[in-house]
PDB file of N, CA and C in Angstrom:
ATOM      1  N   MET A   1     -29.059 -75.528  50.515  1.00  0.00           N
ATOM      2  CA  MET A   1     -29.748 -76.326  49.504  1.00  0.00           C
ATOM      3  C   MET A   1     -30.486 -75.362  48.682  1.00  0.00           C
ATOM      4  N   TYR A   2     -30.955 -76.027  47.182  1.00  0.00           N
ATOM      5  CA  TYR A   2     -31.296 -75.616  45.914  1.00  0.00           C
ATOM      6  C   TYR A   2     -32.593 -76.077  45.393  1.00  0.00           C
ATOM      7  N   ILE A   3     -33.937 -75.530  45.401  1.00  0.00           N
ATOM      8  CA  ILE A   3     -34.842 -76.111  45.033  1.00  0.00           C
ATOM      9  C   ILE A   3     -35.282 -75.420  43.522  1.00  0.00           C
ATOM     10  N   VAL A   4     -35.639 -76.210  42.811  1.00  0.00           N
ATOM     11  CA  VAL A   4     -35.820 -75.927  41.196  1.00  0.00           C
ATOM     12  C   VAL A   4     -37.083 -76.068  40.786  1.00  0.00           C
ATOM     13  N   MET A   5     -38.081 -75.198  40.420  1.00  0.00           N
ATOM     14  CA  MET A   5     -39.167 -75.788  39.940  1.00  0.00           C
ATOM     15  C   MET A   5     -39.950 -75.231  38.673  1.00  0.00           C
ATOM     16  N   ASN A   6     -39.980 -76.235  37.804  1.00  0.00           N
ATOM     17  CA  ASN A   6     -41.422 -75.700  36.636  1.00  0.00           C
ATOM     18  C   ASN A   6     -42.263 -75.734  37.101  1.00  0.00           C
ATOM     19  N   ARG A   7     -43.467 -74.699  36.293  1.00  0.00           N
ATOM     20  CA  ARG A   7     -44.756 -74.688  36.618  1.00  0.00           C
ATOM     21  C   ARG A   7     -45.325 -74.500  34.977  1.00  0.00           C
ATOM     22  N   PHE A   8     -46.428 -75.450  34.619  1.00  0.00           N
ATOM     23  CA  PHE A   8     -46.988 -75.752  33.331  1.00  0.00           C
ATOM     24  C   PHE A   8     -48.208 -76.058  33.811  1.00  0.00           C
ATOM     25  N   LYS A   9     -48.867 -74.764  32.685  1.00  0.00           N
ATOM     26  CA  LYS A   9     -50.239 -74.607  32.780  1.00  0.00           C
ATOM     27  C   LYS A   9     -50.580 -75.701  31.377  1.00  0.00           C
ATOM     28  N   ILE A  10     -51.410 -76.815  31.402  1.00  0.00           N
ATOM     29  CA  ILE A  10     -51.648 -77.547  30.998  1.00  0.00           C
ATOM     30  C   ILE A  10     -53.235 -77.509  30.108  1.00  0.00           C
ATOM     31  N   LYS A  11     -53.537 -77.372  29.225  1.00  0.00           N
ATOM     32  CA  LYS A  11     -54.906 -77.296  28.855  1.00  0.00           C
ATOM     33  C   LYS A  11     -55.576 -78.236  29.240  1.00  0.00           C
ATOM     34  N   ARG A  12     -56.628 -78.082  29.540  1.00  0.00           N
ATOM     35  CA  ARG A  12     -58.203 -79.200  30.075  1.00  0.00           C
ATOM     36  C   ARG A  12     -58.433 -80.344  29.040  1.00  0.00           C
ATOM     37  N   GLY A  13     -58.102 -81.823  29.276  1.00  0.00           N
ATOM     38  CA  GLY A  13     -58.664 -82.236  28.552  1.00  0.00           C
ATOM     39  C   GLY A  13     -56.901 -83.369  27.982  1.00  0.00           C
ATOM     40  N   SER A  14     -56.054 -82.512  28.319  1.00  0.00           N
ATOM     41  CA  SER A  14     -54.878 -82.685  27.713  1.00  0.00           C
ATOM     42  C   SER A  14     -53.783 -83.171  29.356  1.00  0.00           C
ATOM     43  N   GLU A  15     -54.163 -83.495  30.717  1.00  0.00           N
ATOM     44  CA  GLU A  15     -53.476 -84.110  31.481  1.00  0.00           C
ATOM     45  C   GLU A  15     -52.809 -85.091  31.307  1.00  0.00           C
ATOM     46  N   ASP A  16     -53.853 -86.242  30.862  1.00  0.00           N
ATOM     47  CA  ASP A  16     -53.277 -87.876  30.850  1.00  0.00           C
ATOM     48  C   ASP A  16     -52.153 -87.622  29.853  1.00  0.00           C
ATOM     49  N   THR A  17     -51.532 -87.035  28.593  1.00  0.00           N
ATOM     50  CA  THR A  17     -50.942 -87.015  27.752  1.00  0.00           C
ATOM     51  C   THR A  17     -49.918 -86.204  28.262  1.00  0.00           C
ATOM     52  N   PHE A  18     -49.640 -85.377  29.002  1.00  0.00           N
ATOM     53  CA  PHE A  18     -48.515 -84.798  29.802  1.00  0.00           C
ATOM     54  C   PHE A  18     -48.464 -85.486  30.948  1.00  0.00           C
ATOM     55  N   ILE A  19     -48.965 -86.316  31.793  1.00  0.00           N
ATOM     56  CA  ILE A  19     -48.279 -87.325  32.764  1.00  0.00           C
ATOM     57  C   ILE A  19     -47.617 -88.276  31.690  1.00  0.00           C
ATOM     58  N   GLU A  20     -48.472 -88.772  30.982  1.00  0.00           N
ATOM     59  CA  GLU A  20     -47.246 -89.598  29.749  1.00  0.00           C
ATOM     60  C   GLU A  20     -45.964 -89.167  29.373  1.00  0.00           C
ATOM     61  N   ILE A  21     -45.482 -87.834  28.950  1.00  0.00           N
ATOM     62  CA  ILE A  21     -44.629 -87.325  28.625  1.00  0.00           C
ATOM     63  C   ILE A  21     -43.653 -87.623  29.779  1.00  0.00           C
ATOM     64  N   TRP A  22     -44.262 -87.177  31.070  1.00  0.00           N
ATOM     65  CA  TRP A  22     -43.105 -87.283  32.123  1.00  0.00           C
ATOM     66  C   TRP A  22     -42.934 -88.767  32.985  1.00  0.00           C
ATOM     67  N   ARG A  23     -43.955 -89.347  32.358  1.00  0.00           N
ATOM     68  CA  ARG A  23     -43.759 -90.905  33.062  1.00  0.00           C
ATOM     69  C   ARG A  23     -42.563 -91.783  32.310  1.00  0.00           C
ATOM     70  N   ASN A  24     -42.925 -91.044  30.906  1.00  0.00           N
ATOM     71  CA  ASN A  24     -41.381 -91.910  29.698  1.00  0.00           C
ATOM     72  C   ASN A  24     -40.095 -91.237  29.368  1.00  0.00           C
ATOM     73  N   ARG A  25     -40.169 -90.038  30.676  1.00  0.00           N
ATOM     74  CA  ARG A  25     -38.668 -89.247  30.240  1.00  0.00           C
ATOM     75  C   ARG A  25     -37.481 -90.111  30.687  1.00  0.00           C
ATOM     76  N   ASP A  26     -36.396 -89.991  30.218  1.00  0.00           N
ATOM     77  CA  ASP A  26     -35.305 -90.351  30.970  1.00  0.00           C
ATOM     78  C   ASP A  26     -34.335 -89.641  31.054  1.00  0.00           C
ATOM     79  N   SER A  27     -34.604 -89.368  32.366  1.00  0.00           N
ATOM     80  CA  SER A  27     -33.903 -87.774  32.676  1.00  0.00           C
ATOM     81  C   SER A  27     -32.223 -88.091  33.488  1.00  0.00           C
ATOM     82  N   HIS A  28     -31.878 -89.301  33.647  1.00  0.00           N
ATOM     83  CA  HIS A  28     -31.482 -89.483  34.646  1.00  0.00           C
ATOM     84  C   HIS A  28     -30.408 -88.603  35.465  1.00  0.00           C
ATOM     85  N   LEU A  29     -31.571 -87.889  36.524  1.00  0.00           N
ATOM     86  CA  LEU A  29     -30.977 -87.124  37.416  1.00  0.00           C
ATOM     87  C   LEU A  29     -30.627 -87.900  38.963  1.00  0.00           C
ATOM     88  N   LYS A  30     -30.963 -89.152  39.026  1.00  0.00           N
ATOM     89  CA  LYS A  30     -30.379 -89.496  39.967  1.00  0.00           C
ATOM     90  C   LYS A  30     -28.626 -89.923  39.857  1.00  0.00           C
ATOM     91  N   GLU A  31     -28.374 -90.032  38.659  1.00  0.00           N
ATOM     92  CA  GLU A  31     -26.810 -90.128  38.328  1.00  0.00           C
ATOM     93  C   GLU A  31     -26.047 -89.135  38.485  1.00  0.00           C
ATOM     94  N   MET A  32     -26.711 -87.831  38.677  1.00  0.00           N
ATOM     95  CA  MET A  32     -26.156 -86.416  38.811  1.00  0.00           C
ATOM     96  C   MET A  32     -25.881 -86.434  40.519  1.00  0.00           C
ATOM     97  N   LYS A  33     -24.258 -85.583  40.503  1.00  0.00           N
ATOM     98  CA  LYS A  33     -24.003 -85.352  41.766  1.00  0.00           C
ATOM     99  C   LYS A  33     -24.905 -84.245  42.459  1.00  0.00           C
ATOM    100  N   GLY A  34     -25.151 -84.561  43.660  1.00  0.00           N
ATOM    101  CA  GLY A  34     -26.126 -83.267  44.339  1.00  0.00           C
ATOM    102  C   GLY A  34     -27.117 -83.038  43.655  1.00  0.00           C
ATOM    103  N   PHE A  35     -27.712 -84.210  43.354  1.00  0.00           N
ATOM    104  CA  PHE A  35     -29.232 -84.035  42.944  1.00  0.00           C
ATOM    105  C   PHE A  35     -29.709 -84.819  44.719  1.00  0.00           C
ATOM    106  N   ASN A  36     -30.956 -84.089  44.910  1.00  0.00           N
ATOM    107  CA  ASN A  36     -31.547 -84.990  46.391  1.00  0.00           C
ATOM    108  C   ASN A  36     -32.824 -85.867  45.945  1.00  0.00           C
ATOM    109  N   ARG A  37     -33.829 -85.257  45.560  1.00  0.00           N
ATOM    110  CA  ARG A  37     -35.094 -85.752  45.227  1.00  0.00           C
ATOM    111  C   ARG A  37     -35.952 -84.555  43.769  1.00  0.00           C
ATOM    112  N   PHE A  38     -37.184 -85.648  43.414  1.00  0.00           N
ATOM    113  CA  PHE A  38     -37.613 -84.792  42.334  1.00  0.00           C
ATOM    114  C   PHE A  38     -39.049 -85.450  42.791  1.00  0.00           C
ATOM    115  N   TYR A  39     -40.451 -84.377  42.517  1.00  0.00           N
ATOM    116  CA  TYR A  39     -41.356 -84.603  42.616  1.00  0.00           C
ATOM    117  C   TYR A  39     -42.189 -83.865  41.321  1.00  0.00           C
ATOM    118  N   PHE A  40     -42.946 -84.714  40.633  1.00  0.00           N
ATOM    119  CA  PHE A  40     -44.115 -84.396  39.847  1.00  0.00           C
ATOM    120  C   PHE A  40     -45.179 -83.979  39.996  1.00  0.00           C
ATOM    121  N   LEU A  41     -45.490 -82.909  40.600  1.00  0.00           N
ATOM    122  CA  LEU A  41     -46.832 -82.114  40.902  1.00  0.00           C
ATOM    123  C   LEU A  41     -48.259 -81.987  40.242  1.00  0.00           C
ATOM    124  N   GLN A  42     -49.235 -82.387  40.579  1.00  0.00           N
ATOM    125  CA  GLN A  42     -50.134 -81.830  39.775  1.00  0.00           C
ATOM    126  C   GLN A  42     -51.642 -80.884  40.847  1.00  0.00           C
ATOM    127  N   GLY A  43     -51.687 -79.973  40.111  1.00  0.00           N
ATOM    128  CA  GLY A  43     -52.414 -78.752  41.236  1.00  0.00           C
ATOM    129  C   GLY A  43     -53.594 -78.636  40.568  1.00  0.00           C
ATOM    130  N   LYS A  44     -54.036 -77.478  40.720  1.00  0.00           N
ATOM    131  CA  LYS A  44     -55.584 -77.313  40.880  1.00  0.00           C
ATOM    132  C   LYS A  44     -55.891 -77.463  39.612  1.00  0.00           C
ATOM    133  N   THR A  45     -57.182 -77.446  38.650  1.00  0.00           N
ATOM    134  CA  THR A  45     -57.633 -77.627  37.800  1.00  0.00           C
ATOM    135  C   THR A  45     -58.741 -75.973  37.405  1.00  0.00           C
ATOM    136  N   GLU A  46     -58.211 -75.085  36.829  1.00  0.00           N
ATOM    137  CA  GLU A  46     -59.130 -74.113  36.122  1.00  0.00           C
ATOM    138  C   GLU A  46     -59.895 -74.224  35.159  1.00  0.00           C
ATOM    139  N   GLU A  47     -60.534 -73.309  34.947  1.00  0.00           N
ATOM    140  CA  GLU A  47     -61.166 -72.954  33.791  1.00  0.00           C
ATOM    141  C   GLU A  47     -60.762 -73.659  32.789  1.00  0.00           C
ATOM    142  N   ASN A  48     -59.750 -73.183  32.197  1.00  0.00           N
ATOM    143  CA  ASN A  48     -59.180 -73.734  31.118  1.00  0.00           C
ATOM    144  C   ASN A  48     -57.553 -74.538  31.006  1.00  0.00           C
ATOM    145  N   TYR A  49     -57.229 -74.729  32.329  1.00  0.00           N
ATOM    146  CA  TYR A  49     -56.049 -75.366  32.711  1.00  0.00           C
ATOM    147  C   TYR A  49     -55.775 -76.062  33.749  1.00  0.00           C
ATOM    148  N   THR A  50     -54.850 -77.096  33.782  1.00  0.00           N
ATOM    149  CA  THR A  50     -54.445 -77.919  34.683  1.00  0.00           C
ATOM    150  C   THR A  50     -53.422 -77.000  34.994  1.00  0.00           C
ATOM    151  N   LEU A  51     -52.570 -76.819  36.196  1.00  0.00           N
ATOM    152  CA  LEU A  51     -51.568 -76.757  37.031  1.00  0.00           C
ATOM    153  C   LEU A  51     -50.751 -77.774  37.560  1.00  0.00           C
ATOM    154  N   PHE A  52     -49.083 -78.066  36.678  1.00  0.00           N
ATOM    155  CA  PHE A  52     -48.778 -79.371  37.254  1.00  0.00           C
ATOM    156  C   PHE A  52     -47.096 -78.300  37.166  1.00  0.00           C
ATOM    157  N   SER A  53     -46.323 -79.245  38.116  1.00  0.00           N
ATOM    158  CA  SER A  53     -45.134 -78.522  38.515  1.00  0.00           C
ATOM    159  C   SER A  53     -44.074 -79.689  38.722  1.00  0.00           C
ATOM    160  N   SER A  54     -42.614 -79.270  37.918  1.00  0.00           N
ATOM    161  CA  SER A  54     -41.929 -80.559  38.762  1.00  0.00           C
ATOM    162  C   SER A  54     -41.341 -79.784  39.662  1.00  0.00           C
ATOM    163  N   PHE A  55     -40.527 -80.701  40.428  1.00  0.00           N
ATOM    164  CA  PHE A  55     -39.476 -80.138  41.664  1.00  0.00           C
ATOM    165  C   PHE A  55     -38.541 -80.823  41.919  1.00  0.00           C
ATOM    166  N   THR A  56     -37.385 -80.147  41.584  1.00  0.00           N
ATOM    167  CA  THR A  56     -36.203 -80.884  42.729  1.00  0.00           C
ATOM    168  C   THR A  56     -34.991 -80.353  43.161  1.00  0.00           C
ATOM    169  N   GLU A  57     -34.777 -81.018  43.832  1.00  0.00           N
ATOM    170  CA  GLU A  57     -34.404 -80.566  45.185  1.00  0.00           C
ATOM    171  C   GLU A  57     -32.579 -80.936  45.065  1.00  0.00           C
ATOM    172  N   TRP A  58     -32.009 -79.651  45.125  1.00  0.00           N
ATOM    173  CA  TRP A  58     -30.196 -80.115  44.693  1.00  0.00           C
ATOM    174  C   TRP A  58     -29.392 -79.400  46.371  1.00  0.00           C
ATOM    175  N   GLN A  59     -28.167 -80.588  46.087  1.00  0.00           N
ATOM    176  CA  GLN A  59     -27.325 -79.880  47.260  1.00  0.00           C
ATOM    177  C   GLN A  59     -26.880 -78.377  47.541  1.00  0.00           C
ATOM    178  N   SER A  60     -26.666 -78.212  45.811  1.00  0.00           N
ATOM    179  CA  SER A  60     -26.225 -76.406  45.603  1.00  0.00           C
ATOM    180  C   SER A  60     -26.441 -75.961  44.739  1.00  0.00           C
ATOM    181  N   LYS A  61     -26.603 -74.928  44.254  1.00  0.00           N
ATOM    182  CA  LYS A  61     -27.069 -74.321  42.810  1.00  0.00           C
ATOM    183  C   LYS A  61     -25.849 -74.504  41.698  1.00  0.00           C
ATOM    184  N   ALA A  62     -24.571 -74.879  42.296  1.00  0.00           N
ATOM    185  CA  ALA A  62     -23.645 -75.195  41.020  1.00  0.00           C
ATOM    186  C   ALA A  62     -23.714 -76.523  40.870  1.00  0.00           C
ATOM    187  N   ASP A  63     -24.385 -77.519  41.854  1.00  0.00           N
ATOM    188  CA  ASP A  63     -24.878 -78.745  41.236  1.00  0.00           C
ATOM    189  C   ASP A  63     -26.265 -78.839  40.177  1.00  0.00           C
ATOM    190  N   PHE A  64     -26.867 -77.905  40.465  1.00  0.00           N
ATOM    191  CA  PHE A  64     -28.081 -77.863  39.489  1.00  0.00           C
ATOM    192  C   PHE A  64     -27.600 -77.229  38.171  1.00  0.00           C
ATOM    193  N   GLU A  65     -26.688 -76.238  38.183  1.00  0.00           N
ATOM    194  CA  GLU A  65     -25.752 -75.778  37.110  1.00  0.00           C
ATOM    195  C   GLU A  65     -25.272 -77.140  36.446  1.00  0.00           C
ATOM    196  N   ALA A  66     -24.582 -77.925  37.108  1.00  0.00           N
ATOM    197  CA  ALA A  66     -24.002 -79.076  36.583  1.00  0.00           C
ATOM    198  C   ALA A  66     -24.920 -79.629  35.482  1.00  0.00           C
ATOM    199  N   TRP A  67     -26.265 -79.780  36.373  1.00  0.00           N
ATOM    200  CA  TRP A  67     -26.961 -80.602  35.859  1.00  0.00           C
ATOM    201  C   TRP A  67     -27.143 -80.339  33.895  1.00  0.00           C
ATOM    202  N   VAL A  68     -27.659 -78.806  34.175  1.00  0.00           N
ATOM    203  CA  VAL A  68     -27.772 -78.141  33.297  1.00  0.00           C
ATOM    204  C   VAL A  68     -27.285 -78.134  31.757  1.00  0.00           C
ATOM    205  N   ASN A  69     -26.039 -78.389  32.502  1.00  0.00           N
ATOM    206  CA  ASN A  69     -24.755 -78.019  31.170  1.00  0.00           C
ATOM    207  C   ASN A  69     -24.082 -79.136  30.835  1.00  0.00           C
ATOM    208  N   SER A  70     -25.150 -80.666  31.326  1.00  0.00           N
ATOM    209  CA  SER A  70     -24.535 -81.823  31.356  1.00  0.00           C
ATOM    210  C   SER A  70     -25.198 -82.530  29.936  1.00  0.00           C
ATOM    211  N   GLU A  71     -24.574 -83.655  29.308  1.00  0.00           N
ATOM    212  CA  GLU A  71     -25.225 -84.201  28.040  1.00  0.00           C
ATOM    213  C   GLU A  71     -26.362 -84.864  28.623  1.00  0.00           C
ATOM    214  N   HIS A  72     -26.495 -85.332  29.937  1.00  0.00           N
ATOM    215  CA  HIS A  72     -27.898 -86.107  30.619  1.00  0.00           C
ATOM    216  C   HIS A  72     -29.413 -84.798  30.427  1.00  0.00           C
ATOM    217  N   PHE A  73     -28.847 -83.494  30.472  1.00  0.00           N
ATOM    218  CA  PHE A  73     -30.005 -82.601  30.189  1.00  0.00           C
ATOM    219  C   PHE A  73     -30.435 -82.356  29.233  1.00  0.00           C
ATOM    220  N   LYS A  74     -29.132 -82.414  28.085  1.00  0.00           N
ATOM    221  CA  LYS A  74     -29.143 -82.226  26.446  1.00  0.00           C
ATOM    222  C   LYS A  74     -30.425 -83.386  25.848  1.00  0.00           C
ATOM    223  N   HIS A  75     -29.699 -84.613  26.736  1.00  0.00           N
ATOM    224  CA  HIS A  75     -30.679 -85.470  25.729  1.00  0.00           C
ATOM    225  C   HIS A  75     -32.135 -85.620  26.424  1.00  0.00           C
ATOM    226  N   THR A  76     -32.259 -85.369  27.913  1.00  0.00           N
ATOM    227  CA  THR A  76     -33.733 -85.493  28.176  1.00  0.00           C
ATOM    228  C   THR A  76     -34.304 -84.222  27.802  1.00  0.00           C
ATOM    229  N   HIS A  77     -33.861 -82.834  27.720  1.00  0.00           N
ATOM    230  CA  HIS A  77     -34.892 -81.784  27.315  1.00  0.00           C
ATOM    231  C   HIS A  77     -34.281 -81.687  25.352  1.00  0.00           C
ATOM    232  N   ARG A  78     -34.064 -82.666  24.775  1.00  0.00           N
ATOM    233  CA  ARG A  78     -34.118 -82.451  23.099  1.00  0.00           C
ATOM    234  C   ARG A  78     -34.940 -82.010  22.551  1.00  0.00           C
ATOM    235  N   ASN A  79     -36.247 -82.216  22.912  1.00  0.00           N
ATOM    236  CA  ASN A  79     -37.376 -81.518  22.215  1.00  0.00           C
ATOM    237  C   ASN A  79     -38.252 -80.673  23.082  1.00  0.00           C
ATOM    238  N   THR A  80     -37.599 -79.839  24.265  1.00  0.00           N
ATOM    239  CA  THR A  80     -38.416 -78.985  24.912  1.00  0.00           C
ATOM    240  C   THR A  80     -38.809 -77.949  23.949  1.00  0.00           C
ATOM    241  N   ASN A  81     -37.781 -77.306  23.195  1.00  0.00           N
ATOM    242  CA  ASN A  81     -38.361 -76.095  22.601  1.00  0.00           C
ATOM    243  C   ASN A  81     -39.081 -76.391  21.077  1.00  0.00           C
ATOM    244  N   ASN A  82     -39.326 -77.907  20.781  1.00  0.00           N
ATOM    245  CA  ASN A  82     -39.728 -78.384  19.656  1.00  0.00           C
ATOM    246  C   ASN A  82     -40.771 -79.514  19.911  1.00  0.00           C
ATOM    247  N   ARG A  83     -41.399 -79.195  20.418  1.00  0.00           N
ATOM    248  CA  ARG A  83     -42.852 -80.449  20.589  1.00  0.00           C
ATOM    249  C   ARG A  83     -43.878 -80.098  19.193  1.00  0.00           C
ATOM    250  N   PRO A  84     -43.413 -80.837  18.341  1.00  0.00           N
ATOM    251  CA  PRO A  84     -44.547 -80.620  17.445  1.00  0.00           C
ATOM    252  C   PRO A  84     -45.859 -81.854  17.368  1.00  0.00           C
ATOM    253  N   ASN A  85     -45.460 -82.635  18.043  1.00  0.00           N
ATOM    254  CA  ASN A  85     -46.604 -83.897  18.405  1.00  0.00           C
ATOM    255  C   ASN A  85     -47.227 -83.235  19.573  1.00  0.00           C
ATOM    256  N   ASN A  86     -46.906 -82.287  20.680  1.00  0.00           N
ATOM    257  CA  ASN A  86     -47.540 -82.405  21.993  1.00  0.00           C
ATOM    258  C   ASN A  86     -47.317 -80.660  22.149  1.00  0.00           C
ATOM    259  N   SER A  87     -47.131 -79.919  21.359  1.00  0.00           N
ATOM    260  CA  SER A  87     -47.244 -78.418  21.698  1.00  0.00           C
ATOM    261  C   SER A  87     -48.868 -78.025  22.048  1.00  0.00           C
ATOM    262  N   ASP A  88     -49.482 -78.452  20.997  1.00  0.00           N
ATOM    263  CA  ASP A  88     -50.802 -77.942  21.548  1.00  0.00           C
ATOM    264  C   ASP A  88     -51.477 -78.483  22.998  1.00  0.00           C
ATOM    265  N   ILE A  89     -51.112 -78.990  23.666  1.00  0.00           N
ATOM    266  CA  ILE A  89     -51.423 -79.121  24.710  1.00  0.00           C
ATOM    267  C   ILE A  89     -50.826 -78.080  25.732  1.00  0.00           C
ATOM    268  N   TYR A  90     -49.787 -76.942  25.396  1.00  0.00           N
ATOM    269  CA  TYR A  90     -49.440 -76.069  26.820  1.00  0.00           C
ATOM    270  C   TYR A  90     -50.298 -74.922  26.444  1.00  0.00           C
ATOM    271  N   LEU A  91     -50.860 -74.367  27.516  1.00  0.00           N
ATOM    272  CA  LEU A  91     -51.726 -73.062  27.300  1.00  0.00           C
ATOM    273  C   LEU A  91     -50.493 -72.034  27.129  1.00  0.00           C
ATOM    274  N   GLU A  92     -49.184 -71.875  28.112  1.00  0.00           N
ATOM    275  CA  GLU A  92     -48.001 -71.388  27.590  1.00  0.00           C
ATOM    276  C   GLU A  92     -46.960 -71.405  28.223  1.00  0.00           C
ATOM    277  N   SER A  93     -46.088 -70.975  27.613  1.00  0.00           N
ATOM    278  CA  SER A  93     -44.514 -71.517  28.295  1.00  0.00           C
ATOM    279  C   SER A  93     -44.245 -71.809  29.653  1.00  0.00           C
ATOM    280  N   ALA A  94     -43.849 -72.780  30.026  1.00  0.00           N
ATOM    281  CA  ALA A  94     -43.319 -73.415  31.169  1.00  0.00           C
ATOM    282  C   ALA A  94     -42.578 -71.750  32.379  1.00  0.00           C
ATOM    283  N   GLN A  95     -42.837 -72.298  33.329  1.00  0.00           N
ATOM    284  CA  GLN A  95     -42.229 -70.775  33.887  1.00  0.00           C
ATOM    285  C   GLN A  95     -40.929 -71.530  34.871  1.00  0.00           C
ATOM    286  N   LEU A  96     -40.057 -70.966  34.832  1.00  0.00           N
ATOM    287  CA  LEU A  96     -38.597 -71.549  35.939  1.00  0.00           C
ATOM    288  C   LEU A  96     -38.638 -70.898  37.333  1.00  0.00           C
ATOM    289  N   GLU A  97     -38.688 -71.354  37.804  1.00  0.00           N
ATOM    290  CA  GLU A  97     -38.313 -71.037  39.578  1.00  0.00           C
ATOM    291  C   GLU A  97     -37.314 -71.665  40.155  1.00  0.00           C
ATOM    292  N   CYS A  98     -36.791 -70.941  40.649  1.00  0.00           N
ATOM    293  CA  CYS A  98     -35.474 -71.013  41.129  1.00  0.00           C
ATOM    294  C   CYS A  98     -35.169 -70.241  42.746  1.00  0.00           C
ATOM    295  N   PHE A  99     -35.228 -71.198  43.780  1.00  0.00           N
ATOM    296  CA  PHE A  99     -35.132 -71.000  45.240  1.00  0.00           C
ATOM    297  C   PHE A  99     -33.447 -71.329  45.760  1.00  0.00           C
ATOM    298  N   ASP A 100     -32.944 -70.650  46.774  1.00  0.00           N
ATOM    299  CA  ASP A 100     -31.788 -71.310  47.545  1.00  0.00           C
ATOM    300  C   ASP A 100     -32.432 -71.013  49.069  1.00  0.00           C
ATOM    301  N   VAL A 101     -32.529 -72.512  49.486  1.00  0.00           N
ATOM    302  CA  VAL A 101     -33.277 -72.697  50.940  1.00  0.00           C
ATOM    303  C   VAL A 101     -32.536 -71.741  52.042  1.00  0.00           C
ATOM    304  N   ILE A 102     -33.357 -70.910  52.674  1.00  0.00           N
ATOM    305  CA  ILE A 102     -33.160 -70.155  53.785  1.00  0.00           C
ATOM    306  C   ILE A 102     -32.975 -71.101  55.199  1.00  0.00           C
ATOM    307  N   LEU A 103     -34.104 -71.301  55.508  1.00  0.00           N
ATOM    308  CA  LEU A 103     -34.276 -72.685  56.659  1.00  0.00           C
ATOM    309  C   LEU A 103     -34.818 -73.587  56.397  1.00  0.00           C
TER     310      LEU A 103
END
């Protein structure tokens, strides 16, 4: 299995906006071969941000890479690099973390 996580530091006071962005996403993940599950996680709140993470589980790295190269991915992430209306809610860029499941 293969686990992919994106970690986001969202400025305090912008949590509800960020959650709504994710609630309204049209990801098509469930249509992708090898997709197992998705979690959207809210972590601890620090002085100037709240930590969030998206968590996806895939059957294999190849399945995840097929998702990244799909039209569904392009559609879902079409505004990822250019968020004119919401760029001010991010303390910094998202951090992508990928893991092969060992046990």
